[in-house]
Amino acid sequence: MKKRTHRVAGVAALAVTLVALAFAPLAAVPSTTAAYTDTAAAETSPTQTPLLTQTTRMTPTSTYLENTATALQDDGTLWVWGFRGNGLAGNGTLTVPSTAPPSPVVLPNDGYTGTDHRYIVKVAGTSLDNYYPTDINYTGLAALSDDGRVYTWGGSSTNNIMGRPSTPIPYTQPGPVAIPGTVVDLRSTSSVLLALTSTGDLYTWGYAEGRGITGQGTATASSPAPSLILSGVHSIGAGMWNGWAIRGNFDASDPNTGVFWWGWANAGSAYASDPSGDSLGVSRYTPFRSNVLSVYAQTGCDSVGVVMGSAADQCLIRSMTGHYYGNQVNVQGQLLTWGDATNYGTGRAYVSGPVSATPLILAMPNDDPVTAVAPTQDYVQVRGASGQVYIYGRYSFGRGPDPTQGTPSLTNLVTPAQILPLGSAVTALGGFGYSGTALNADGSFVSWGGGTAGGNNNTYSSIINSWGANTTPTTAVQGLTTMITPGS
């Protein structure tokens, strides 16, 4: 009983501390442009073919799909390269060789009422635990269109990841997923997809992993089509094995408000720890309120159907992400982290399991305000308001870029280190598997990594240096590699 009493008292004290932090002055950060209509630029292609003959911007994307790289072009085309088995190329072919040039994915125009063609404005993707890249029963890509529809391809129906039947459109091509209303945001864990509608309804589908990651009621519950798990939702985020949803301004007397979560929780600091931040170590199979995180959602969170971190979002919480060894919540430019510090998952020096599992502010070098977080399997990438990129985490398995040289490194980064060769002109970040991507202000696209769970090599050519002929070697993980994009 003493241990339980101590735990409750500790949580209460922590909540008081966090409330004070939540209302302390925070450094101002520029507005982000994550709203689903913000991504589509004025440049379009009336023939529904990708732009190949003029300068284009390739915006990095983040997925939990290891070794399949994705980037959004400014005309609404999604480019896919690296591993393209299981129909991931989206062109009706089951397998496209990894050595082939990137594959364009353009959504069908059926039912589109716009003036040009249907844009892809957001992408999500899964492979089991962000770790197994090639098993068709666990892979899949999903795209959100500018008119609020979700399309999936690149997997199977075995674990409901496609969220739709295989006919009349096969899984080798983008097919629409039936979700009532207009979808405004799309996210994924490493096995489940989440969609938020403009009316605040949250739907999930995919592989529950025996961990309740769908939030559909039990550890194994999973529906073949999207299932409504929560209404009245302001915005959503996702970690490796969990989802988060903000539902109204937090009021301690109203159990329906605050930050909710569901999925897998570990006692202590193992793996990603407890994504609720409450350090209870109890998995939740339906949305359940977090005491610790809810204190950051006390104002600006009462509207519904908002893209987290967008210009329309007035909530203090700007993003919620997670990786294999930890969780990251951007609170108006300050990063809360917690998880397994023994595997460098918190960006803090290891102190003890309970402290590692406690959400605490992680300062960037020079107190640079956080504007974007893009986790990979083992390490976390952070963009500061300065345009500089910082990384912390486990390099000893997947390898990451050396902070000074940009070459592949085995040296784990205990605390955030600036990747100096990237400079201070990075405008966007992406992450997938053991790899990262960055877009510079001049339009240059840089990527690194390429390792797999089975070896430290670029086997699937997910890190390439040219849009046409790929000359990047596949024998080793790659350091910072600049890709020559179309029209460059």
Protein backbone atom coordinates (compact mmCIF):
# COMPACT_ATOMS: atom_id res chain seq x y z
CA MET A 1 0.00 0.00 0.00
CA LYS A 2 2.86 2.39 0.72
CA LYS A 3 4.18 1.97 -2.79
CA ARG A 4 0.78 2.69 -4.31
CA THR A 5 0.25 5.73 -2.09
CA HIS A 6 3.66 7.04 -3.06
CA ARG A 7 2.87 6.60 -6.76
CA VAL A 8 -0.41 8.52 -6.53
CA ALA A 9 1.20 11.31 -4.56
CA GLY A 10 4.02 11.48 -7.07
CA VAL A 11 1.61 11.78 -9.98
CA ALA A 12 -0.30 14.53 -8.20
CA ALA A 13 2.90 16.46 -7.55
CA LEU A 14 4.00 16.00 -11.13
CA ALA A 15 0.63 17.27 -12.38
CA VAL A 16 1.03 20.45 -10.33
CA THR A 17 4.51 20.95 -11.79
CA LEU A 18 3.27 20.38 -15.31
CA VAL A 19 0.37 22.81 -14.89
CA ALA A 20 2.89 25.44 -13.90
CA LEU A 21 5.03 24.59 -16.91
CA ALA A 22 2.03 24.65 -19.21
CA PHE A 23 1.24 28.22 -18.30
CA ALA A 24 4.84 29.44 -18.12
CA PRO A 25 5.87 31.80 -20.93
CA LEU A 26 6.97 29.80 -23.96
CA ALA A 27 9.19 31.01 -26.75
CA ALA A 28 7.22 32.12 -29.78
CA VAL A 29 7.46 29.86 -32.81
CA PRO A 30 6.32 30.44 -36.36
CA SER A 31 2.96 29.03 -37.44
CA THR A 32 3.14 25.67 -39.16
CA THR A 33 1.24 24.77 -42.32
CA ALA A 34 0.02 21.27 -41.63
CA ALA A 35 -3.64 21.83 -42.51
CA TYR A 36 -4.62 19.40 -45.22
CA THR A 37 -5.33 22.13 -47.75
CA ASP A 38 -2.02 23.88 -47.12
CA THR A 39 0.20 21.35 -48.85
CA ALA A 40 -1.18 21.78 -52.36
CA ALA A 41 0.70 24.52 -54.18
CA ALA A 42 -0.53 26.59 -57.11
CA GLU A 43 1.51 24.58 -59.59
CA THR A 44 -0.69 21.85 -61.06
CA SER A 45 -0.79 19.26 -63.80
CA PRO A 46 -4.03 19.32 -65.83
CA THR A 47 -3.20 16.03 -67.54
CA GLN A 48 -2.85 14.16 -64.22
CA THR A 49 0.76 13.28 -64.98
CA PRO A 50 3.68 14.14 -62.70
CA LEU A 51 5.75 17.21 -63.36
CA LEU A 52 9.06 16.02 -64.77
CA THR A 53 10.36 18.90 -66.87
CA GLN A 54 10.42 21.84 -64.49
CA THR A 55 11.77 22.64 -61.06
CA THR A 56 9.69 20.94 -58.39
CA ARG A 57 9.64 20.77 -54.62
CA MET A 58 9.69 17.32 -53.07
CA THR A 59 8.42 17.56 -49.49
CA PRO A 60 9.59 14.81 -47.10
CA THR A 61 6.94 12.66 -45.45
CA SER A 62 6.95 10.52 -42.31
CA THR A 63 5.60 6.98 -42.17
CA TYR A 64 6.09 3.79 -40.19
CA LEU A 65 6.90 1.93 -43.43
CA GLU A 66 10.52 0.81 -43.28
CA ASN A 67 12.63 1.00 -46.48
CA THR A 68 9.87 2.53 -48.63
CA ALA A 69 10.63 6.21 -49.14
CA THR A 70 7.90 8.72 -49.97
CA ALA A 71 7.81 12.41 -50.87
CA LEU A 72 5.01 14.75 -51.89
CA GLN A 73 5.48 16.83 -55.00
CA ASP A 74 3.94 20.29 -55.13
CA ASP A 75 1.44 19.21 -57.82
CA GLY A 76 -0.15 16.63 -55.51
CA THR A 77 1.79 13.63 -56.83
CA LEU A 78 3.21 11.17 -54.31
CA TRP A 79 6.56 9.66 -55.26
CA VAL A 80 7.50 6.22 -53.94
CA TRP A 81 10.90 4.52 -54.12
CA GLY A 82 12.94 1.92 -52.26
CA PHE A 83 11.04 -1.30 -51.53
CA ARG A 84 8.05 -1.48 -53.87
CA GLY A 85 6.80 -5.01 -53.51
CA ASN A 86 3.24 -5.79 -52.37
CA GLY A 87 1.86 -3.18 -54.79
CA LEU A 88 3.41 -0.25 -52.91
CA ALA A 89 4.26 1.48 -56.20
CA GLY A 90 0.52 2.05 -56.63
CA ASN A 91 0.63 1.51 -60.40
CA GLY A 92 -1.14 -1.85 -60.58
CA THR A 93 2.11 -3.84 -60.57
CA LEU A 94 2.78 -6.17 -57.66
CA THR A 95 6.55 -5.63 -57.69
CA VAL A 96 8.69 -2.78 -58.99
CA PRO A 97 12.46 -3.33 -58.62
CA SER A 98 14.14 -1.25 -55.95
CA THR A 99 16.68 -0.10 -58.53
CA ALA A 100 13.98 1.41 -60.76
CA PRO A 101 13.40 5.20 -60.74
CA PRO A 102 10.82 6.48 -58.22
CA SER A 103 7.20 5.61 -58.99
CA PRO A 104 4.55 8.37 -59.23
CA VAL A 105 1.18 7.89 -57.54
CA VAL A 106 -1.65 10.10 -58.82
CA LEU A 107 -5.12 9.60 -57.35
CA PRO A 108 -8.10 8.87 -59.61
CA ASN A 109 -10.33 11.81 -60.50
CA ASP A 110 -13.68 10.03 -60.18
CA GLY A 111 -16.14 12.25 -58.33
CA TYR A 112 -13.68 15.11 -58.06
CA THR A 113 -15.31 18.54 -58.28
CA GLY A 114 -12.16 20.66 -58.29
CA THR A 115 -10.86 22.61 -61.26
CA ASP A 116 -7.85 20.41 -61.97
CA HIS A 117 -7.07 17.01 -60.46
CA ARG A 118 -7.21 15.35 -57.08
CA TYR A 119 -4.14 16.21 -55.00
CA ILE A 120 -2.49 13.99 -52.41
CA VAL A 121 -1.88 16.26 -49.45
CA LYS A 122 -0.84 13.79 -46.76
CA VAL A 123 0.55 10.26 -46.63
CA ALA A 124 0.76 7.60 -43.93
CA GLY A 125 2.21 4.11 -44.02
CA THR A 126 2.72 1.00 -41.94
CA SER A 127 5.01 -1.99 -41.66
CA LEU A 128 4.92 -4.11 -38.54
CA ASP A 129 6.71 -2.24 -35.73
CA ASN A 130 8.37 -0.04 -38.40
CA TYR A 131 10.71 -3.02 -38.56
CA TYR A 132 9.53 -5.68 -41.06
CA PRO A 133 9.51 -3.99 -44.47
CA THR A 134 8.37 -6.70 -46.89
CA ASP A 135 5.53 -8.79 -45.40
CA ILE A 136 2.40 -8.04 -47.45
CA ASN A 137 0.15 -8.78 -44.46
CA TYR A 138 1.54 -5.79 -42.55
CA THR A 139 2.46 -3.19 -45.17
CA GLY A 140 0.38 -0.42 -46.64
CA LEU A 141 0.31 3.18 -47.79
CA ALA A 142 -2.58 5.59 -47.29
CA ALA A 143 -3.11 9.00 -48.86
CA LEU A 144 -5.41 11.88 -47.97
CA SER A 145 -6.73 13.91 -50.89
CA ASP A 146 -7.44 17.63 -51.01
CA ASP A 147 -11.19 16.90 -51.11
CA GLY A 148 -11.04 14.86 -47.90
CA ARG A 149 -10.94 11.27 -49.14
CA VAL A 150 -8.62 8.47 -48.01
CA TYR A 151 -7.08 5.95 -50.44
CA THR A 152 -5.01 2.85 -49.57
CA TRP A 153 -2.77 0.42 -51.48
CA GLY A 154 0.29 -1.78 -51.07
CA GLY A 155 -0.84 -4.50 -48.69
CA SER A 156 -3.48 -7.15 -48.08
CA SER A 157 -6.74 -7.54 -46.20
CA THR A 158 -5.35 -10.15 -43.80
CA ASN A 159 -4.97 -7.65 -40.98
CA ASN A 160 -7.46 -5.07 -42.30
CA ILE A 161 -4.74 -2.53 -43.10
CA MET A 162 -6.28 -1.68 -46.47
CA GLY A 163 -9.60 -0.87 -44.77
CA ARG A 164 -11.49 -1.74 -47.97
CA PRO A 165 -12.32 -4.72 -50.22
CA SER A 166 -9.93 -5.74 -52.99
CA THR A 167 -12.57 -5.19 -55.67
CA PRO A 168 -13.27 -3.43 -57.90
CA ILE A 169 -9.90 -1.72 -57.35
CA PRO A 170 -7.07 -4.14 -56.47
CA TYR A 171 -4.68 -3.45 -53.63
CA THR A 172 -1.92 -2.68 -56.12
CA GLN A 173 -3.70 0.60 -56.91
CA PRO A 174 -5.06 3.41 -54.71
CA GLY A 175 -8.67 2.64 -53.82
CA PRO A 176 -11.06 4.73 -51.71
CA VAL A 177 -11.75 3.87 -48.09
CA ALA A 178 -15.35 4.43 -47.00
CA ILE A 179 -15.31 7.01 -44.21
CA PRO A 180 -18.43 9.14 -43.61
CA GLY A 181 -17.89 12.85 -44.12
CA THR A 182 -14.77 14.78 -45.04
CA VAL A 183 -11.44 13.59 -43.66
CA VAL A 184 -9.09 16.39 -42.56
CA ASP A 185 -6.21 14.43 -41.02
CA LEU A 186 -4.57 11.05 -41.56
CA ARG A 187 -2.06 9.36 -39.24
CA SER A 188 -0.60 5.92 -38.68
CA THR A 189 0.98 3.86 -35.97
CA SER A 190 3.22 0.99 -37.04
CA SER A 191 0.16 -1.18 -37.75
CA VAL A 192 -3.00 0.94 -37.58
CA LEU A 193 -4.31 3.90 -39.58
CA LEU A 194 -6.29 6.82 -38.08
CA ALA A 195 -8.56 9.31 -39.84
CA LEU A 196 -10.18 12.43 -38.35
CA THR A 197 -13.18 14.04 -40.03
CA SER A 198 -14.18 17.70 -40.15
CA THR A 199 -16.97 16.95 -37.66
CA GLY A 200 -14.55 15.50 -35.09
CA ASP A 201 -15.17 11.79 -35.65
CA LEU A 202 -12.13 9.52 -35.28
CA TYR A 203 -11.93 6.25 -37.24
CA THR A 204 -9.31 3.48 -37.06
CA TRP A 205 -8.50 0.32 -38.99
CA GLY A 206 -5.58 -2.10 -39.18
CA TYR A 207 -3.71 -4.66 -37.08
CA ALA A 208 -4.32 -4.43 -33.32
CA GLU A 209 -1.18 -6.53 -32.60
CA GLY A 210 -2.87 -8.00 -29.52
CA ARG A 211 -2.13 -4.61 -27.94
CA GLY A 212 -5.38 -2.75 -28.54
CA ILE A 213 -3.79 -0.33 -31.00
CA THR A 214 -7.05 0.08 -32.93
CA GLY A 215 -8.84 1.38 -29.83
CA GLN A 216 -11.83 -0.73 -30.84
CA GLY A 217 -12.52 -2.32 -27.45
CA THR A 218 -10.23 -5.33 -26.94
CA ALA A 219 -6.57 -6.23 -27.40
CA THR A 220 -7.30 -7.90 -30.74
CA ALA A 221 -10.36 -6.02 -32.05
CA SER A 222 -10.04 -4.92 -35.68
CA SER A 223 -12.69 -4.12 -38.25
CA PRO A 224 -12.31 -4.71 -42.02
CA ALA A 225 -13.55 -1.15 -42.61
CA PRO A 226 -12.84 1.98 -40.56
CA SER A 227 -14.50 1.92 -37.15
CA LEU A 228 -15.62 5.00 -35.22
CA ILE A 229 -13.88 5.01 -31.82
CA LEU A 230 -14.37 8.59 -30.60
CA SER A 231 -16.38 11.71 -31.44
CA GLY A 232 -15.94 15.36 -30.51
CA VAL A 233 -12.22 15.17 -31.31
CA HIS A 234 -10.18 18.33 -31.76
CA SER A 235 -6.99 16.78 -33.21
CA ILE A 236 -5.00 13.53 -33.32
CA GLY A 237 -1.45 12.18 -33.07
CA ALA A 238 0.14 8.73 -33.21
CA GLY A 239 3.09 6.84 -31.75
CA MET A 240 4.63 3.50 -32.55
CA TRP A 241 1.98 1.43 -30.76
CA ASN A 242 -0.65 3.97 -29.74
CA GLY A 243 -2.89 6.82 -30.78
CA TRP A 244 -3.65 10.14 -29.10
CA ALA A 245 -6.71 12.39 -29.41
CA ILE A 246 -7.36 15.81 -27.91
CA ARG A 247 -11.01 16.18 -26.99
CA GLY A 248 -11.96 19.63 -25.74
CA ASN A 249 -10.31 21.93 -23.24
CA PHE A 250 -9.26 19.90 -20.21
CA ASP A 251 -11.59 20.17 -17.24
CA ALA A 252 -10.71 17.88 -14.34
CA SER A 253 -14.39 17.64 -13.40
CA ASP A 254 -15.43 16.56 -16.92
CA PRO A 255 -14.04 13.10 -17.81
CA ASN A 256 -14.80 13.65 -21.50
CA THR A 257 -12.20 16.41 -21.93
CA GLY A 258 -8.44 16.51 -22.32
CA VAL A 259 -5.92 14.23 -24.02
CA PHE A 260 -6.95 10.63 -24.63
CA TRP A 261 -4.80 7.68 -25.68
CA TRP A 262 -5.10 3.96 -26.45
CA GLY A 263 -2.76 1.11 -27.25
CA TRP A 264 0.24 -0.56 -25.66
CA ALA A 265 1.80 0.63 -22.40
CA ASN A 266 4.84 -0.78 -20.66
CA ALA A 267 5.57 -0.62 -16.98
CA GLY A 268 8.66 1.43 -16.20
CA SER A 269 10.74 2.64 -19.12
CA ALA A 270 10.83 -0.44 -21.38
CA TYR A 271 10.37 0.20 -25.11
CA ALA A 272 8.30 3.38 -25.57
CA SER A 273 7.19 3.23 -21.92
CA ASP A 274 3.63 4.33 -21.13
CA PRO A 275 2.39 6.72 -23.86
CA SER A 276 -0.09 8.28 -21.45
CA GLY A 277 2.80 9.75 -19.47
CA ASP A 278 1.04 8.64 -16.29
CA SER A 279 3.54 5.79 -15.66
CA LEU A 280 0.82 3.27 -14.84
CA GLY A 281 1.95 0.62 -17.33
CA VAL A 282 -1.61 -0.43 -18.20
CA SER A 283 -2.55 -0.91 -21.86
CA ARG A 284 -5.86 0.63 -22.92
CA TYR A 285 -8.11 -0.88 -25.57
CA THR A 286 -10.45 2.12 -25.84
CA PRO A 287 -9.59 5.84 -25.58
CA PHE A 288 -8.60 6.67 -21.99
CA ARG A 289 -7.70 10.07 -20.55
CA SER A 290 -4.10 10.95 -19.68
CA ASN A 291 -3.74 12.99 -16.50
CA VAL A 292 -0.26 14.29 -17.25
CA LEU A 293 -0.76 15.24 -20.89
CA SER A 294 -4.22 16.75 -20.41
CA VAL A 295 -2.83 19.71 -18.48
CA TYR A 296 -1.37 20.98 -21.76
CA ALA A 297 -4.79 21.03 -23.40
CA GLN A 298 -6.61 23.56 -21.24
CA THR A 299 -7.23 26.22 -23.86
CA GLY A 300 -7.76 26.49 -27.61
CA CYS A 301 -8.79 22.83 -27.95
CA ASP A 302 -12.60 23.14 -27.92
CA SER A 303 -13.20 23.11 -31.70
CA VAL A 304 -13.40 19.82 -33.62
CA GLY A 305 -11.80 18.41 -36.75
CA VAL A 306 -8.54 20.37 -36.58
CA VAL A 307 -5.17 19.31 -37.99
CA MET A 308 -2.73 19.27 -35.09
CA GLY A 309 -0.07 21.95 -35.54
CA SER A 310 -1.84 23.71 -38.41
CA ALA A 311 -2.50 27.43 -38.60
CA ALA A 312 -6.06 26.74 -37.44
CA ASP A 313 -4.89 24.91 -34.31
CA GLN A 314 -4.95 27.08 -31.17
CA CYS A 315 -4.11 24.27 -28.73
CA LEU A 316 -0.71 24.39 -26.99
CA ILE A 317 0.06 20.85 -28.17
CA ARG A 318 1.50 21.14 -31.67
CA SER A 319 2.42 17.51 -32.40
CA MET A 320 2.38 14.07 -30.76
CA THR A 321 4.73 11.39 -32.11
CA GLY A 322 6.57 8.31 -30.92
CA HIS A 323 9.24 5.79 -31.87
CA TYR A 324 10.50 2.42 -30.62
CA TYR A 325 12.07 3.86 -27.48
CA GLY A 326 10.08 6.92 -26.59
CA ASN A 327 7.43 9.59 -27.07
CA GLN A 328 7.65 13.21 -28.17
CA VAL A 329 5.05 15.95 -27.61
CA ASN A 330 5.68 19.44 -28.94
CA VAL A 331 4.09 21.94 -26.58
CA GLN A 332 4.25 25.30 -28.32
CA GLY A 333 7.91 24.90 -29.25
CA GLN A 334 9.05 22.95 -26.20
CA LEU A 335 9.55 19.20 -26.47
CA LEU A 336 8.24 16.81 -23.82
CA THR A 337 9.95 13.43 -24.03
CA TRP A 338 9.83 10.18 -22.08
CA GLY A 339 10.62 6.50 -22.67
CA ASP A 340 13.66 4.23 -22.44
CA ALA A 341 16.78 6.26 -21.71
CA THR A 342 18.93 3.13 -21.63
CA ASN A 343 18.29 2.99 -25.37
CA TYR A 344 18.66 6.76 -25.77
CA GLY A 345 14.93 7.27 -26.32
CA THR A 346 14.44 10.43 -24.27
CA GLY A 347 17.25 12.74 -25.38
CA ARG A 348 18.25 12.93 -21.72
CA ALA A 349 21.03 11.25 -19.83
CA TYR A 350 19.88 8.09 -18.06
CA VAL A 351 18.94 8.64 -14.43
CA SER A 352 16.44 5.91 -13.49
CA GLY A 353 13.52 4.04 -15.00
CA PRO A 354 10.80 6.12 -13.27
CA VAL A 355 12.46 9.39 -14.27
CA SER A 356 12.95 8.22 -17.85
CA ALA A 357 9.26 7.30 -18.02
CA THR A 358 8.24 10.77 -16.79
CA PRO A 359 7.47 13.44 -19.42
CA LEU A 360 9.98 16.27 -19.01
CA ILE A 361 11.03 19.21 -21.18
CA LEU A 362 14.00 18.45 -23.44
CA ALA A 363 15.82 21.62 -24.47
CA MET A 364 17.34 21.93 -27.91
CA PRO A 365 20.80 23.50 -28.29
CA ASN A 366 20.61 27.28 -27.82
CA ASP A 367 16.98 26.75 -26.69
CA ASP A 368 15.95 26.63 -30.35
CA PRO A 369 12.12 26.37 -30.43
CA VAL A 370 10.85 23.11 -31.92
CA THR A 371 8.85 23.38 -35.15
CA ALA A 372 8.81 19.76 -36.39
CA VAL A 373 9.51 16.26 -35.07
CA ALA A 374 10.16 13.28 -37.36
CA PRO A 375 10.98 10.07 -35.48
CA THR A 376 12.64 7.07 -37.08
CA GLN A 377 12.80 3.55 -35.65
CA ASP A 378 15.67 4.24 -33.23
CA TYR A 379 16.39 7.97 -33.28
CA VAL A 380 14.44 11.22 -33.29
CA GLN A 381 14.90 14.14 -35.68
CA VAL A 382 13.89 17.65 -34.63
CA ARG A 383 13.76 20.84 -36.68
CA GLY A 384 14.25 24.10 -34.83
CA ALA A 385 12.82 27.50 -35.69
CA SER A 386 16.33 28.40 -36.84
CA GLY A 387 16.08 25.83 -39.65
CA GLN A 388 18.68 23.63 -38.02
CA VAL A 389 18.18 19.89 -37.45
CA TYR A 390 18.94 18.11 -34.20
CA ILE A 391 19.02 14.35 -33.65
CA TYR A 392 19.17 12.16 -30.56
CA GLY A 393 18.86 8.41 -30.09
CA ARG A 394 20.24 4.99 -30.80
CA TYR A 395 22.75 4.76 -33.65
CA SER A 396 24.39 1.48 -32.59
CA PHE A 397 21.98 -0.66 -34.63
CA GLY A 398 20.44 1.42 -37.41
CA ARG A 399 23.23 3.97 -37.77
CA GLY A 400 22.56 7.66 -38.31
CA PRO A 401 24.42 10.71 -39.61
CA ASP A 402 27.49 11.85 -37.74
CA PRO A 403 26.75 15.34 -36.38
CA THR A 404 29.95 16.81 -37.80
CA GLN A 405 30.68 14.81 -40.94
CA GLY A 406 27.23 13.57 -41.99
CA THR A 407 28.67 10.10 -42.57
CA PRO A 408 27.09 6.95 -41.08
CA SER A 409 27.89 6.67 -37.40
CA LEU A 410 27.64 4.03 -34.66
CA THR A 411 27.95 6.54 -31.82
CA ASN A 412 24.68 6.90 -29.92
CA LEU A 413 23.50 10.47 -29.34
CA VAL A 414 22.47 10.78 -25.70
CA THR A 415 21.32 14.39 -26.03
CA PRO A 416 20.25 16.38 -29.13
CA ALA A 417 23.12 17.17 -31.48
CA GLN A 418 22.95 19.51 -34.45
CA ILE A 419 23.65 17.87 -37.80
CA LEU A 420 26.06 20.56 -38.95
CA PRO A 421 26.35 19.60 -42.64
CA LEU A 422 22.63 20.25 -43.12
CA GLY A 423 23.15 23.90 -42.19
CA SER A 424 20.29 26.15 -41.15
CA ALA A 425 18.10 26.10 -44.24
CA VAL A 426 16.01 22.98 -43.61
CA THR A 427 12.30 23.66 -44.15
CA ALA A 428 10.83 20.15 -43.70
CA LEU A 429 11.78 16.77 -42.21
CA GLY A 430 10.67 13.18 -42.75
CA GLY A 431 11.40 9.80 -41.22
CA PHE A 432 10.78 6.11 -42.01
CA GLY A 433 12.40 2.93 -40.71
CA TYR A 434 16.03 3.70 -39.93
CA SER A 435 16.13 6.62 -42.38
CA GLY A 436 15.58 10.35 -42.54
CA THR A 437 14.86 13.01 -45.15
CA ALA A 438 15.14 16.80 -45.29
CA LEU A 439 14.06 19.55 -47.68
CA ASN A 440 16.28 22.64 -47.92
CA ALA A 441 15.05 26.12 -48.72
CA ASP A 442 16.72 25.90 -52.14
CA GLY A 443 14.63 22.84 -52.99
CA SER A 444 17.41 20.28 -52.56
CA PHE A 445 16.28 16.97 -51.09
CA VAL A 446 18.64 15.16 -48.69
CA SER A 447 18.23 11.65 -47.29
CA TRP A 448 20.24 9.24 -45.16
CA GLY A 449 20.13 5.74 -43.68
CA GLY A 450 18.65 2.85 -45.62
CA GLY A 451 19.41 0.15 -43.07
CA THR A 452 17.04 -2.73 -42.43
CA ALA A 453 16.22 -4.85 -39.42
CA GLY A 454 18.38 -7.56 -40.95
CA GLY A 455 21.45 -5.58 -41.90
CA ASN A 456 23.16 -2.25 -42.18
CA ASN A 457 22.98 -1.78 -45.91
CA ASN A 458 20.94 0.10 -48.49
CA THR A 459 19.54 -3.12 -49.96
CA TYR A 460 16.25 -1.62 -51.12
CA SER A 461 17.82 1.58 -52.50
CA SER A 462 15.64 3.79 -50.33
CA ILE A 463 18.52 6.29 -50.25
CA ILE A 464 19.28 7.41 -53.80
CA ASN A 465 21.09 10.36 -55.35
CA SER A 466 19.21 10.78 -58.62
CA TRP A 467 15.64 10.60 -59.83
CA GLY A 468 16.74 8.75 -62.94
CA ALA A 469 19.68 6.37 -62.88
CA ASN A 470 20.45 5.27 -59.33
CA THR A 471 24.18 5.23 -58.71
CA THR A 472 24.12 5.18 -54.92
CA PRO A 473 25.72 1.94 -53.69
CA THR A 474 23.57 -0.59 -51.88
CA THR A 475 26.35 -2.18 -49.86
CA ALA A 476 26.21 0.11 -46.83
CA VAL A 477 24.02 2.50 -44.92
CA GLN A 478 24.29 5.93 -46.51
CA GLY A 479 25.28 9.22 -44.93
CA LEU A 480 23.76 12.54 -45.99
CA THR A 481 22.90 12.06 -49.66
CA THR A 482 21.58 14.85 -51.87
CA MET A 483 19.06 13.69 -54.45
CA ILE A 484 18.82 15.32 -57.85
CA THR A 485 15.07 15.88 -58.25
CA PRO A 486 13.16 16.43 -61.52
CA GLY A 487 13.91 19.73 -63.21
CA SER A 488 16.97 20.43 -61.04
